Structures are given as structure tokens and as C-alpha cells.
């Protein structure tokens, strides 16, 4: 088939355009250089892990030091003999009835009087016992709490102290109780222990009737006889 002049001209222009595009591509490739197959895209930094902070531990505070217990002074020989007697005869099975007898359910002063003899006190016409095993033959001051209080006050054998003067009470002193605050004395014992812990003073005593070797004064006036009052005789 014979092409016309215009057809030949169009074909020539088309071929020229194709050749021009190809040449341009080769030039661009030459300028950029061959692609690097080993080159990889840059990876952004990995997220920095959150720092786990150790919890702040509270510093343990020192436990408050326990209040020191003040040691009791050493007992003199007379007081030691008094306490030994009390601890040997406070319980019912060990009453010294052969010498002093027993006053039924009111034997507290009879027992306290025995302890004062063991300490070194001597009998007189007002405060005495025949020591024949019959407590009812003893004088009133020997077996009655109120009469015993009056006897000590009149003779000056000891100094009266109130319960607010516990800091002056010592082992071997006499403790008396007024359960109903009527002014008389309803019970008598001998102090067997004084514990001073800080500002607190706890006093224990031995006695008959409610047999005890270390009965708490506080328990006696708050639990056994609520509202009762304790008094003391400081024995030199």
C-alpha cells in the first residue's frame, strides 16, 4: 500500500516522539544512578519503654521505747522477814492457825498483825494476842481494821498516806480500804509489790479473807468494790 505524503509525515513524527521519550528515560536513569537493592527504608526509633520507678518506701519509724520499769529497792532484813511470812501463810491451806487462830471470814487484820510481829513490832496492852490458837482472844486493835487504824494513828508507829501519795508507798507498808467511804476501815493488807512504770504506780498486797499474795489495789477499788478508797500506813 502506498502512503500519501501526509501519512508518511505523521508516521515519521510518531516514531520521533517515541524515540524522544525513550532517550529521556535513559538520561534520567543515568543521572539518578542504578537503584540500590540493599537500601532499606529508615525505621523510626523504637518507642522508649516507660521507666518503671521503684515506689518510695516509707522509712519505718522507731517503735516507741517502752517506759522503763523502776526496780524496787532491796528489802531490809525486817521487811524481808515480813514478806517471807506473808508469802508462806497467805493461802487457806497454809494459815498459821496453831499459833494465831483464824477469825472466820474476817481474818485480814489478824493476818496483818502477824506479819507486823514477823517484821519486829512488839505487842502492848492495846495491840496483842495470847498466841494460843484462838484469834477471838486477841485485842480489838489486833483483829479490827478500824481499831487497828486508830491504834497506829495514836501511837505514831507509821505515817498516814492517801492513795494520791502512791509515790511514797513501799513494800512492807500497811494498806487499808474503806469500801463504802463511810470513814471506817473495812479491809487490811500488807504491800508486797510496788511497780513504777513511767508515771504509773501499781501496788499489790497480801491478805486474808480474800486470800491473796499479790492482789492489785486498783482491782480492789474498781472491780471488787467500785468506788472504794485505799489508804496506806508508811512504816519506817
Protein backbone atom coordinates (compact mmCIF):
# COMPACT_ATOMS: atom_id res chain seq x y z
CA UNK A 1 0.00 0.00 0.00
CA UNK A 2 1.36 3.38 -0.95
CA UNK A 3 1.24 6.01 1.77
CA UNK A 4 0.33 9.53 0.97
CA UNK A 5 2.67 12.35 1.68
CA UNK A 6 0.73 13.38 4.84
CA UNK A 7 0.58 9.83 6.16
CA UNK A 8 4.35 9.47 5.78
CA UNK A 9 4.84 12.74 7.60
CA UNK A 10 2.60 11.66 10.55
CA UNK A 11 4.33 8.31 10.90
CA UNK A 12 7.71 9.98 10.95
CA UNK A 13 6.60 12.33 13.74
CA UNK A 14 5.17 9.46 15.83
CA UNK A 15 8.38 7.45 15.59
CA UNK A 16 10.35 10.53 16.54
CA UNK A 17 8.20 11.08 19.63
CA UNK A 18 8.72 7.50 20.78
CA UNK A 19 12.45 7.80 20.35
CA UNK A 20 12.48 11.08 22.25
CA UNK A 21 10.62 9.57 25.24
CA UNK A 22 12.97 6.60 25.38
CA UNK A 23 16.03 8.81 25.25
CA UNK A 24 14.68 10.97 28.05
CA UNK A 25 14.15 7.90 30.25
CA UNK A 26 17.73 6.76 29.64
CA UNK A 27 19.06 10.19 30.54
CA UNK A 28 17.08 10.29 33.79
CA UNK A 29 18.27 6.82 34.76
CA UNK A 30 21.85 7.78 34.03
CA UNK A 31 21.59 10.86 36.19
CA UNK A 32 19.98 9.08 39.22
CA UNK A 33 22.16 6.02 39.06
CA UNK A 34 21.02 2.43 39.42
CA UNK A 35 18.63 1.58 42.23
CA UNK A 36 20.37 0.15 45.39
CA UNK A 37 18.53 -3.08 46.18
CA UNK A 38 20.21 -3.25 49.61
CA UNK A 39 18.97 0.15 50.70
CA UNK A 40 16.01 -0.11 53.06
CA UNK A 41 13.68 2.49 54.39
CA UNK A 42 14.82 4.06 57.63
CA UNK A 43 12.96 2.60 60.58
CA UNK A 44 11.89 5.12 63.14
CA UNK A 45 13.39 4.68 66.63
CA UNK A 46 11.60 2.12 68.72
CA UNK A 47 9.48 3.66 71.38
CA UNK A 48 11.49 4.06 74.56
CA UNK A 49 9.93 1.82 77.19
CA UNK A 50 8.43 3.70 80.13
CA UNK A 51 10.76 3.69 83.08
CA UNK A 52 9.29 1.76 86.00
CA UNK A 53 10.09 3.81 89.06
CA UNK A 54 10.58 1.98 92.32
CA UNK A 55 7.86 3.04 94.76
CA UNK A 56 9.13 5.21 97.53
CA UNK A 57 9.23 3.06 100.62
CA UNK A 58 8.32 4.72 103.84
CA UNK A 59 11.12 4.60 106.33
CA UNK A 60 9.85 2.64 109.32
CA UNK A 61 9.72 4.75 112.38
CA UNK A 62 11.33 3.51 115.52
CA UNK A 63 8.91 1.81 117.85
CA UNK A 64 8.32 3.99 120.86
CA UNK A 65 10.54 2.77 123.62
CA UNK A 66 8.63 1.11 126.41
CA UNK A 67 8.54 3.09 129.61
CA UNK A 68 11.27 1.77 131.90
CA UNK A 69 10.20 -0.21 134.92
CA UNK A 70 11.83 1.21 138.00
CA UNK A 71 13.49 -1.50 140.05
CA UNK A 72 12.35 -1.92 143.64
CA UNK A 73 14.96 -1.19 146.29
CA UNK A 74 16.48 -4.11 148.16
CA UNK A 75 14.49 -5.13 151.23
CA UNK A 76 15.89 -4.69 154.69
CA UNK A 77 16.13 -7.81 156.86
CA UNK A 78 12.99 -6.97 158.92
CA UNK A 79 10.91 -6.29 155.79
CA UNK A 80 12.25 -9.41 154.08
CA UNK A 81 11.17 -11.47 157.12
CA UNK A 82 7.74 -9.82 156.99
CA UNK A 83 7.27 -10.60 153.28
CA UNK A 84 8.55 -14.16 153.72
CA UNK A 85 5.92 -14.73 156.41
CA UNK A 86 3.15 -13.32 154.23
CA UNK A 87 4.06 -15.45 151.22
CA UNK A 88 4.33 -18.56 153.39
CA UNK A 89 0.90 -18.18 155.06
CA UNK A 90 -1.43 -16.22 152.73
CA UNK A 91 -3.36 -19.23 151.38
CA UNK A 92 -6.00 -21.08 153.39
CA UNK A 93 -4.09 -24.35 153.42
CA UNK A 94 -1.10 -22.60 155.00
CA UNK A 95 -2.74 -20.43 157.68
CA UNK A 96 -0.73 -20.38 160.92
CA UNK A 97 -3.78 -21.32 162.96
CA UNK A 98 -1.83 -23.26 165.59
CA UNK A 99 -0.43 -20.01 166.99
CA UNK A 100 -2.81 -17.28 165.89
CA UNK A 101 -6.11 -18.99 165.11
CA UNK A 102 -8.48 -17.59 162.45
CA UNK A 103 -11.33 -15.09 162.61
CA UNK A 104 -13.78 -16.86 160.33
CA UNK A 105 -14.32 -14.71 157.24
CA UNK A 106 -12.78 -11.57 158.76
CA UNK A 107 -9.21 -12.65 159.32
CA UNK A 108 -7.48 -9.84 157.40
CA UNK A 109 -6.23 -7.81 160.40
CA UNK A 110 -5.30 -10.92 162.39
CA UNK A 111 -3.03 -11.88 159.47
CA UNK A 112 -1.65 -8.35 159.00
CA UNK A 113 -0.84 -8.20 162.73
CA UNK A 114 1.05 -11.50 162.48
CA UNK A 115 3.12 -10.05 159.63
CA UNK A 116 3.98 -6.98 161.72
CA UNK A 117 5.22 -9.27 164.50
CA UNK A 118 7.39 -11.06 161.91
CA UNK A 119 8.78 -7.64 160.97
CA UNK A 120 9.74 -6.84 164.55
CA UNK A 121 6.82 -4.99 166.13
CA UNK A 122 6.13 -5.93 169.73
CA UNK A 123 2.78 -6.32 171.45
CA UNK A 124 1.48 -3.93 174.08
CA UNK A 125 -1.64 -3.60 176.18
CA UNK A 126 -3.73 -2.29 173.26
CA UNK A 127 -2.43 -4.40 170.40
CA UNK A 128 -1.89 -8.03 171.42
CA UNK A 129 -2.79 -11.69 171.00
CA UNK A 130 -2.34 -14.54 173.50
CA UNK A 131 -0.96 -16.64 170.62
CA UNK A 132 -2.96 -19.60 171.88
CA UNK A 133 -4.63 -20.53 168.61
CA UNK A 134 -7.82 -18.61 169.46
CA UNK A 135 -7.95 -15.35 167.49
CA UNK A 136 -11.04 -14.20 169.37
CA UNK A 137 -8.92 -13.80 172.50
CA UNK A 138 -6.85 -11.09 170.77
CA UNK A 139 -7.43 -7.38 171.46
CA UNK A 140 -9.69 -5.26 169.24
CA UNK A 141 -6.73 -3.45 167.65
CA UNK A 142 -5.27 -6.84 166.67
CA UNK A 143 -8.36 -8.04 164.83
CA UNK A 144 -10.41 -4.98 163.76
CA UNK A 145 -9.40 -2.80 160.78
CA UNK A 146 -10.88 0.38 162.27
CA UNK A 147 -9.38 -0.27 165.73
CA UNK A 148 -6.02 -1.06 164.09
CA UNK A 149 -6.19 2.28 162.20
CA UNK A 150 -6.86 4.16 165.43
CA UNK A 151 -4.06 2.32 167.23
CA UNK A 152 -1.45 3.23 164.58
CA UNK A 153 -2.62 6.86 164.49
CA UNK A 154 -2.42 7.18 168.28
CA UNK A 155 0.97 5.50 168.69
CA UNK A 156 2.63 7.09 165.66
CA UNK A 157 4.11 3.75 164.58
CA UNK A 158 3.51 4.69 160.94
CA UNK A 159 2.70 7.72 158.78
CA UNK A 160 -0.69 8.02 157.08
CA UNK A 161 -0.72 8.30 153.27
CA UNK A 162 -3.59 8.73 150.83
CA UNK A 163 -3.92 6.93 147.51
CA UNK A 164 -2.70 10.13 145.83
CA UNK A 165 0.65 9.61 147.59
CA UNK A 166 1.47 6.29 145.97
CA UNK A 167 4.94 7.53 145.11
CA UNK A 168 5.77 7.25 148.82
CA UNK A 169 4.38 3.73 149.32
CA UNK A 170 6.89 0.89 149.64
CA UNK A 171 6.91 -2.87 150.14
CA UNK A 172 6.04 -3.77 153.74
CA UNK A 173 3.70 -0.81 154.29
CA UNK A 174 0.14 -1.35 155.50
CA UNK A 175 -2.79 -0.80 153.13
CA UNK A 176 -6.37 -0.31 154.36
CA UNK A 177 -9.64 0.11 152.48
CA UNK A 178 -12.89 1.94 153.05
CA UNK A 179 -15.24 0.15 150.64
CA UNK A 180 -18.22 2.46 151.19
CA UNK A 181 -16.37 5.69 152.09
CA UNK A 182 -18.06 5.83 155.48
CA UNK A 183 -14.88 6.82 157.32
CA UNK A 184 -14.09 3.46 158.93
CA UNK A 185 -11.75 0.76 157.58
CA UNK A 186 -13.21 -2.42 156.08
CA UNK A 187 -10.14 -4.36 155.00
CA UNK A 188 -6.40 -4.51 155.75
CA UNK A 189 -3.40 -5.96 153.92
CA UNK A 190 0.36 -5.61 153.60
CA UNK A 191 2.01 -4.20 150.45
CA UNK A 192 4.03 -6.91 148.69
CA UNK A 193 4.89 -5.16 145.43
CA UNK A 194 5.23 -1.62 144.09
CA UNK A 195 5.73 -1.28 140.32
CA UNK A 196 6.62 2.10 138.87
CA UNK A 197 6.25 2.21 135.08
CA UNK A 198 6.68 5.74 133.78
CA UNK A 199 4.15 7.87 135.64
CA UNK A 200 2.04 4.88 136.66
CA UNK A 201 2.39 3.22 140.06
CA UNK A 202 0.77 -0.17 140.60
CA UNK A 203 0.54 -1.54 144.13
CA UNK A 204 -0.17 -5.14 145.13
CA UNK A 205 -0.80 -6.57 148.58
CA UNK A 206 -1.20 -9.81 150.51
CA UNK A 207 -4.09 -10.56 152.81
CA UNK A 208 -6.61 -13.00 154.24
CA UNK A 209 -10.41 -13.10 153.86
CA UNK A 210 -9.97 -12.81 150.10
CA UNK A 211 -6.74 -14.79 150.22
CA UNK A 212 -4.06 -13.17 148.10
CA UNK A 213 -0.33 -12.72 147.76
CA UNK A 214 -0.23 -10.02 145.05
CA UNK A 215 -3.73 -8.59 144.83
CA UNK A 216 -3.99 -5.34 142.89
CA UNK A 217 -5.10 -2.26 144.83
CA UNK A 218 -6.62 -0.87 141.63
CA UNK A 219 -8.65 -4.03 141.06
CA UNK A 220 -9.84 -3.97 144.67
CA UNK A 221 -11.25 -0.42 144.41
CA UNK A 222 -12.53 -0.50 140.81
CA UNK A 223 -13.67 -4.08 140.17
CA UNK A 224 -14.16 -5.83 143.51
CA UNK A 225 -15.51 -2.75 145.31
CA UNK A 226 -16.14 0.01 142.74
CA UNK A 227 -15.79 3.44 144.28
CA UNK A 228 -13.83 2.21 147.30
CA UNK A 229 -10.85 4.14 148.63
CA UNK A 230 -7.38 2.92 149.55
CA UNK A 231 -5.22 4.33 152.35
CA UNK A 232 -1.71 3.46 153.45
CA UNK A 233 0.48 3.50 156.52
CA UNK A 234 4.15 4.11 155.72
CA UNK A 235 6.13 2.03 158.19
CA UNK A 236 9.66 3.28 158.96
